[in-house]
Structure formats: C-alpha cells, structure tokens
Protein backbone atom coordinates (compact mmCIF):
# COMPACT_ATOMS: atom_id res chain seq x y z
CA MET A 1 84.17 184.04 141.99
CA ARG A 2 83.88 180.87 139.83
CA ASP A 3 83.33 178.77 143.11
CA ALA A 4 80.65 181.12 144.31
CA TYR A 5 78.87 180.77 140.95
CA GLN A 6 79.03 177.07 140.98
CA GLU A 7 77.58 177.18 144.50
CA GLN A 8 74.62 179.29 143.74
CA MET A 9 73.79 177.43 140.46
CA ALA A 10 73.69 174.19 142.51
CA ALA A 11 71.58 175.89 144.90
CA LEU A 12 69.08 176.97 142.11
CA ASN A 13 68.98 173.43 140.66
CA ALA A 14 68.21 172.06 144.01
CA VAL A 15 65.17 174.45 144.37
CA LEU A 16 64.23 173.46 140.93
CA GLY A 17 64.44 169.88 141.86
CA GLU A 18 62.52 170.19 144.88
CA MET A 19 59.78 171.88 142.95
CA CYS A 20 59.56 168.98 140.53
CA GLU A 21 59.00 166.84 143.65
CA THR A 22 56.37 169.08 144.80
CA VAL A 23 54.30 169.07 141.45
CA GLY A 24 54.66 165.31 141.39
CA ALA A 25 53.13 165.09 144.82
CA GLU A 26 50.45 167.45 143.67
CA MET A 27 49.64 165.37 140.76
CA GLU A 28 49.59 162.26 142.70
CA GLN A 29 47.10 163.72 145.19
CA ALA A 30 44.88 165.19 142.56
CA THR A 31 44.72 161.89 140.79
CA THR A 32 43.59 160.03 143.98
CA ALA A 33 40.93 162.91 144.59
CA LEU A 34 39.94 162.41 140.80
CA LEU A 35 39.62 158.45 141.22
CA GLU A 36 38.03 158.42 144.47
CA ALA A 37 35.98 161.56 144.58
CA ASP A 38 37.87 162.68 147.55
CA LEU A 39 36.94 166.37 148.19
CA GLU A 40 39.30 166.98 151.24
CA LEU A 41 42.29 165.96 149.06
CA ALA A 42 41.31 167.95 146.27
CA GLU A 43 40.92 171.03 148.45
CA GLN A 44 44.36 170.32 149.95
CA VAL A 45 45.98 170.28 146.41
CA ILE A 46 44.28 173.86 145.67
CA THR A 47 45.14 175.22 149.06
CA GLU A 48 48.72 174.09 149.06
CA HIS A 49 49.47 175.19 145.46
CA ASP A 50 50.16 178.74 146.82
CA ARG A 51 53.48 177.35 148.31
CA LEU A 52 54.68 176.45 144.87
CA THR A 53 53.95 179.81 143.59
CA LYS A 54 56.06 181.30 146.43
CA ARG A 55 58.73 178.75 145.82
CA SER A 56 58.69 179.74 142.03
CA ALA A 57 59.48 183.45 142.94
CA GLU A 58 62.13 182.52 145.26
CA ALA A 59 63.88 180.58 142.23
CA GLU A 60 63.46 183.40 139.84
CA GLU A 61 65.00 185.70 142.52
CA GLN A 62 67.85 183.27 142.89
CA ALA A 63 68.31 183.43 138.97
CA PHE A 64 68.23 187.21 139.02
CA GLU A 65 71.08 187.46 141.73
CA LEU A 66 73.24 185.00 139.64
CA LEU A 67 72.79 187.39 136.61
CA ALA A 68 73.30 190.39 138.72
CA LEU A 69 76.24 189.36 140.88
CA GLN A 70 78.17 186.78 138.80
CA ALA A 71 78.36 188.64 135.34
CA PRO A 72 78.10 185.18 133.52
CA VAL A 73 79.14 184.63 130.06
CA ALA A 74 78.87 181.82 127.50
CA GLY A 75 77.87 178.57 129.08
CA ASP A 76 77.22 180.15 132.48
CA LEU A 77 74.82 182.61 131.00
CA ARG A 78 73.01 179.86 129.07
CA SER A 79 72.54 177.85 132.28
CA ILE A 80 71.00 180.93 134.07
CA VAL A 81 68.67 181.75 131.04
CA SER A 82 67.52 178.08 131.27
CA GLY A 83 66.85 178.37 134.99
CA PHE A 84 64.23 181.11 134.16
CA GLN A 85 62.72 178.70 131.48
CA LEU A 86 62.62 175.72 134.10
CA VAL A 87 60.68 177.88 136.52
CA ASN A 88 58.02 178.36 133.97
CA GLU A 89 57.93 174.62 132.85
CA ILE A 90 57.57 173.59 136.45
CA ASP A 91 54.94 176.10 137.16
CA ARG A 92 52.84 174.71 134.37
CA MET A 93 53.24 171.26 135.65
CA GLY A 94 51.68 172.58 139.06
CA ALA A 95 49.01 174.36 137.24
CA LEU A 96 47.96 171.24 135.34
CA ALA A 97 47.83 169.07 138.61
CA LEU A 98 45.71 172.08 140.21
CA HIS A 99 43.26 171.81 137.10
CA VAL A 100 42.74 168.00 137.76
CA ALA A 101 42.05 168.75 141.43
CA LYS A 102 39.56 171.54 140.36
CA ILE A 103 37.69 169.18 138.17
CA ALA A 104 37.51 166.58 140.93
CA ARG A 105 36.13 169.24 143.27
CA ARG A 106 33.54 170.48 140.75
CA ARG A 107 32.05 167.22 140.23
CA HIS A 108 31.97 166.14 143.92
CA PRO A 109 30.12 164.00 145.24
CA PHE A 110 30.14 162.14 142.07
CA LYS A 111 33.16 160.58 140.60
CA VAL A 112 34.51 162.32 137.17
CA LEU A 113 35.55 159.13 135.38
CA PRO A 114 33.39 156.17 133.97
CA ASP A 115 34.69 152.85 134.93
CA GLU A 116 35.91 152.24 131.29
CA VAL A 117 38.57 155.02 131.61
CA ALA A 118 39.42 155.10 135.37
CA GLY A 119 42.38 152.52 134.76
CA TYR A 120 43.93 154.83 132.06
CA PHE A 121 44.03 157.65 134.51
CA THR A 122 45.47 155.38 137.38
CA GLU A 123 48.35 154.63 134.90
CA MET A 124 48.63 158.16 133.64
CA GLY A 125 48.86 159.46 137.27
CA ARG A 126 51.59 156.92 138.10
CA LEU A 127 53.51 157.93 134.90
CA ALA A 128 53.18 161.74 135.76
CA VAL A 129 54.64 161.15 139.26
CA GLU A 130 57.55 159.06 137.73
CA LEU A 131 58.16 161.72 135.22
CA ALA A 132 58.42 164.54 137.75
CA ALA A 133 60.73 162.45 139.88
CA GLY A 134 62.87 161.92 136.75
CA ALA A 135 62.95 165.60 136.11
CA HIS A 136 64.34 166.09 139.65
CA ARG A 137 67.02 163.66 138.96
CA VAL A 138 68.23 165.25 135.76
CA LEU A 139 68.38 168.44 137.39
CA GLU A 140 70.32 167.20 140.25
CA SER A 141 72.83 165.14 138.21
CA GLN A 142 72.88 167.74 135.23
CA ASP A 143 73.74 164.45 133.25
CA TYR A 144 72.47 164.85 129.59
CA HIS A 145 72.38 160.94 129.14
CA ASP A 146 69.78 160.89 131.87
CA ALA A 147 67.87 163.72 130.36
CA LEU A 148 67.78 161.98 126.93
CA ALA A 149 66.40 158.81 128.74
CA LEU A 150 63.69 160.82 130.42
CA MET A 151 62.50 162.07 127.08
CA GLU A 152 61.82 158.68 125.90
CA ASP A 153 59.71 157.80 128.89
CA ASP A 154 57.06 160.02 127.56
CA ASP A 155 56.08 157.73 124.91
CA ALA A 156 53.88 155.52 127.41
CA MET A 157 51.90 158.73 128.40
CA ASP A 158 51.26 159.63 124.59
CA ASP A 159 50.04 155.92 123.99
CA LEU A 160 47.70 156.09 126.94
CA HIS A 161 46.30 159.61 125.62
CA ARG A 162 45.71 158.17 122.17
CA HIS A 163 43.98 155.02 123.57
CA LEU A 164 41.55 157.12 125.54
CA PHE A 165 40.10 158.61 122.35
CA THR A 166 39.47 154.98 120.96
CA VAL A 167 37.42 154.31 124.01
CA MET A 168 35.26 157.57 123.92
CA MET A 169 34.92 157.23 120.10
CA ASP A 170 33.58 153.54 120.63
CA ARG A 171 29.72 153.26 119.73
CA ASP A 172 29.20 151.68 123.23
CA TRP A 173 30.11 154.88 124.93
CA GLN A 174 27.12 155.69 126.93
CA HIS A 175 28.18 158.49 129.35
CA GLY A 176 27.27 161.46 127.39
CA VAL A 177 29.00 164.56 126.06
CA ALA A 178 29.78 166.24 129.68
CA ALA A 179 31.67 162.99 130.66
CA ALA A 180 33.53 163.05 127.17
CA VAL A 181 34.44 166.70 127.63
CA ASP A 182 35.94 165.85 131.29
CA VAL A 183 37.84 162.89 129.97
CA THR A 184 39.14 164.78 127.07
CA LEU A 185 40.38 167.81 129.30
CA LEU A 186 41.95 165.47 131.69
CA GLY A 187 43.72 163.35 129.28
CA ARG A 188 45.16 166.56 127.88
CA TYR A 189 46.22 167.70 131.32
CA TYR A 190 48.20 164.60 131.81
CA GLU A 191 49.70 164.75 128.50
CA ARG A 192 50.80 168.18 128.88
CA PHE A 193 52.17 167.32 132.35
CA ALA A 194 54.47 164.87 130.75
CA ASP A 195 55.30 167.23 127.93
CA HIS A 196 56.72 169.79 130.53
CA ALA A 197 58.95 167.23 132.15
CA VAL A 198 60.23 166.42 128.68
CA SER A 199 60.96 170.02 128.15
CA ILE A 200 62.84 170.06 131.32
CA ALA A 201 64.91 167.26 130.13
CA ARG A 202 65.46 169.15 126.86
CA ARG A 203 66.85 172.18 128.55
CA VAL A 204 69.14 170.09 130.81
CA VAL A 205 70.66 168.73 127.62
CA PHE A 206 71.12 172.24 126.27
CA GLN A 207 72.50 173.46 129.59
CA ALA A 208 74.97 170.62 129.81
CA THR A 209 76.02 170.45 126.07
CA GLY A 210 75.19 173.62 124.46
CA LYS A 211 73.15 171.58 121.80
CA THR A 212 69.78 170.41 121.33
CA PRO A 213 68.79 166.68 121.55
CA GLU A 214 68.36 166.69 117.86
CA GLN A 215 71.83 168.21 117.22
CA LEU A 216 73.42 165.73 119.60
CA THR A 217 71.70 162.77 117.78
CA ALA A 218 72.68 164.18 114.31
CA ALA A 219 76.47 164.72 115.58
CA ASN A 220 76.48 161.10 116.90
CA ALA A 221 75.13 159.68 113.79
C-alpha cells in the first residue's frame, strides 16, 4: 500500500511539474507576442490554453484518487491537500499568461508597449520563464532547500515591477493614459505570475517539512 501511494504521489508531482513547464512556455510565447505584436502567436497561446485546463482536471482527479484509495494520514494527507492547492496556483499562472496574450491581440496591429518600458518586459518575461522552470524543479525534487532558494528569486521581479512605476510617473511620459493602464496591468500580471511560483515553493516546503518557511527560519535562527 505504501509503495502504491509513493508511486501515485510521484506521478501527481510529475504532472504538476509538466504543467509548470506548460505555463512557462505560455508566458514565453505571450511575451514574444506582446513585444513583437505577433497576432498569430497570441492566438496560439489563447487557443492552446484549453490543454492546460484539461491537464488541471486530470491532476485533480489523481489527487482525488489518492484521497479515496490510499486513506492517507498525517504527512501523506498534507501532501495530497497541497496537491489540490498546487493545481490552483499553476492554473492562475496559466491564466496570467493568457491575459498577456489577450492584451497583445486586442492592441494588434500596434505594439502595446512604448519603447521606454519594452526592455522591462523582456526581462520580466525571462524571469517568469525561469521561475516556472524552478517551480518544476522543486516539484520534482521535493527538496525544501531548492524551494527556499526559488522564493528568493522573486526579488528581481519585484524590483522590475517597482521601477516600471518610476518610468510612468516621470514627467516625460508622453504615451497617455491608455498606455499607462496597459503597462500597469501587464506589470501586475508578471508580478503575480512570479508570486504564484513562489507560492508553489512555499507549499513544497510545507509538504517536505510540515513547517512554513518562516517557521523553518525561526527554528534555525
């Protein structure tokens, strides 16, 4: 029974990891569509998002089977419940990539971003893909040290998000309110994408140790 549980739990984490790779690819494509006003690529992200929704349903079904068939207790139950929460975190990441693609489509054939901020989104897109890949790694390894390291990688995204506002608040901003609204929304989407990756890392820490990152830090202080 224990071996069967371990195999099923590993299979669930593998599916969750693959979903992280999927949302990373979605955000990479959405970012390219945004920067290059690529309608075809934006449409591809929007159309293919249904595959992620289907994969999410399959992951939830696997988690339900673990609950129903393995009668988990204590740490095992904690891992399965976290599995449901992880599906939601990854779903949200996919939804944020979808929002980026939809903005790129809505503004086509024009580019959404003024030149002054395009570089910020190039870097934010790169960081988002790295964070999604990092989430995949920690789900695969279940190593809480890796998860804690991933949480620190979010700082660069937060810095870029803050700097965006300094650009828009500058008196030399000449692109009007509509562009400012788009940039504000898009910056928030990338920041939230990163936040969900960090939430995945937090949940892996809890799965592996039964403690929150803050509790671990306090215990090691």
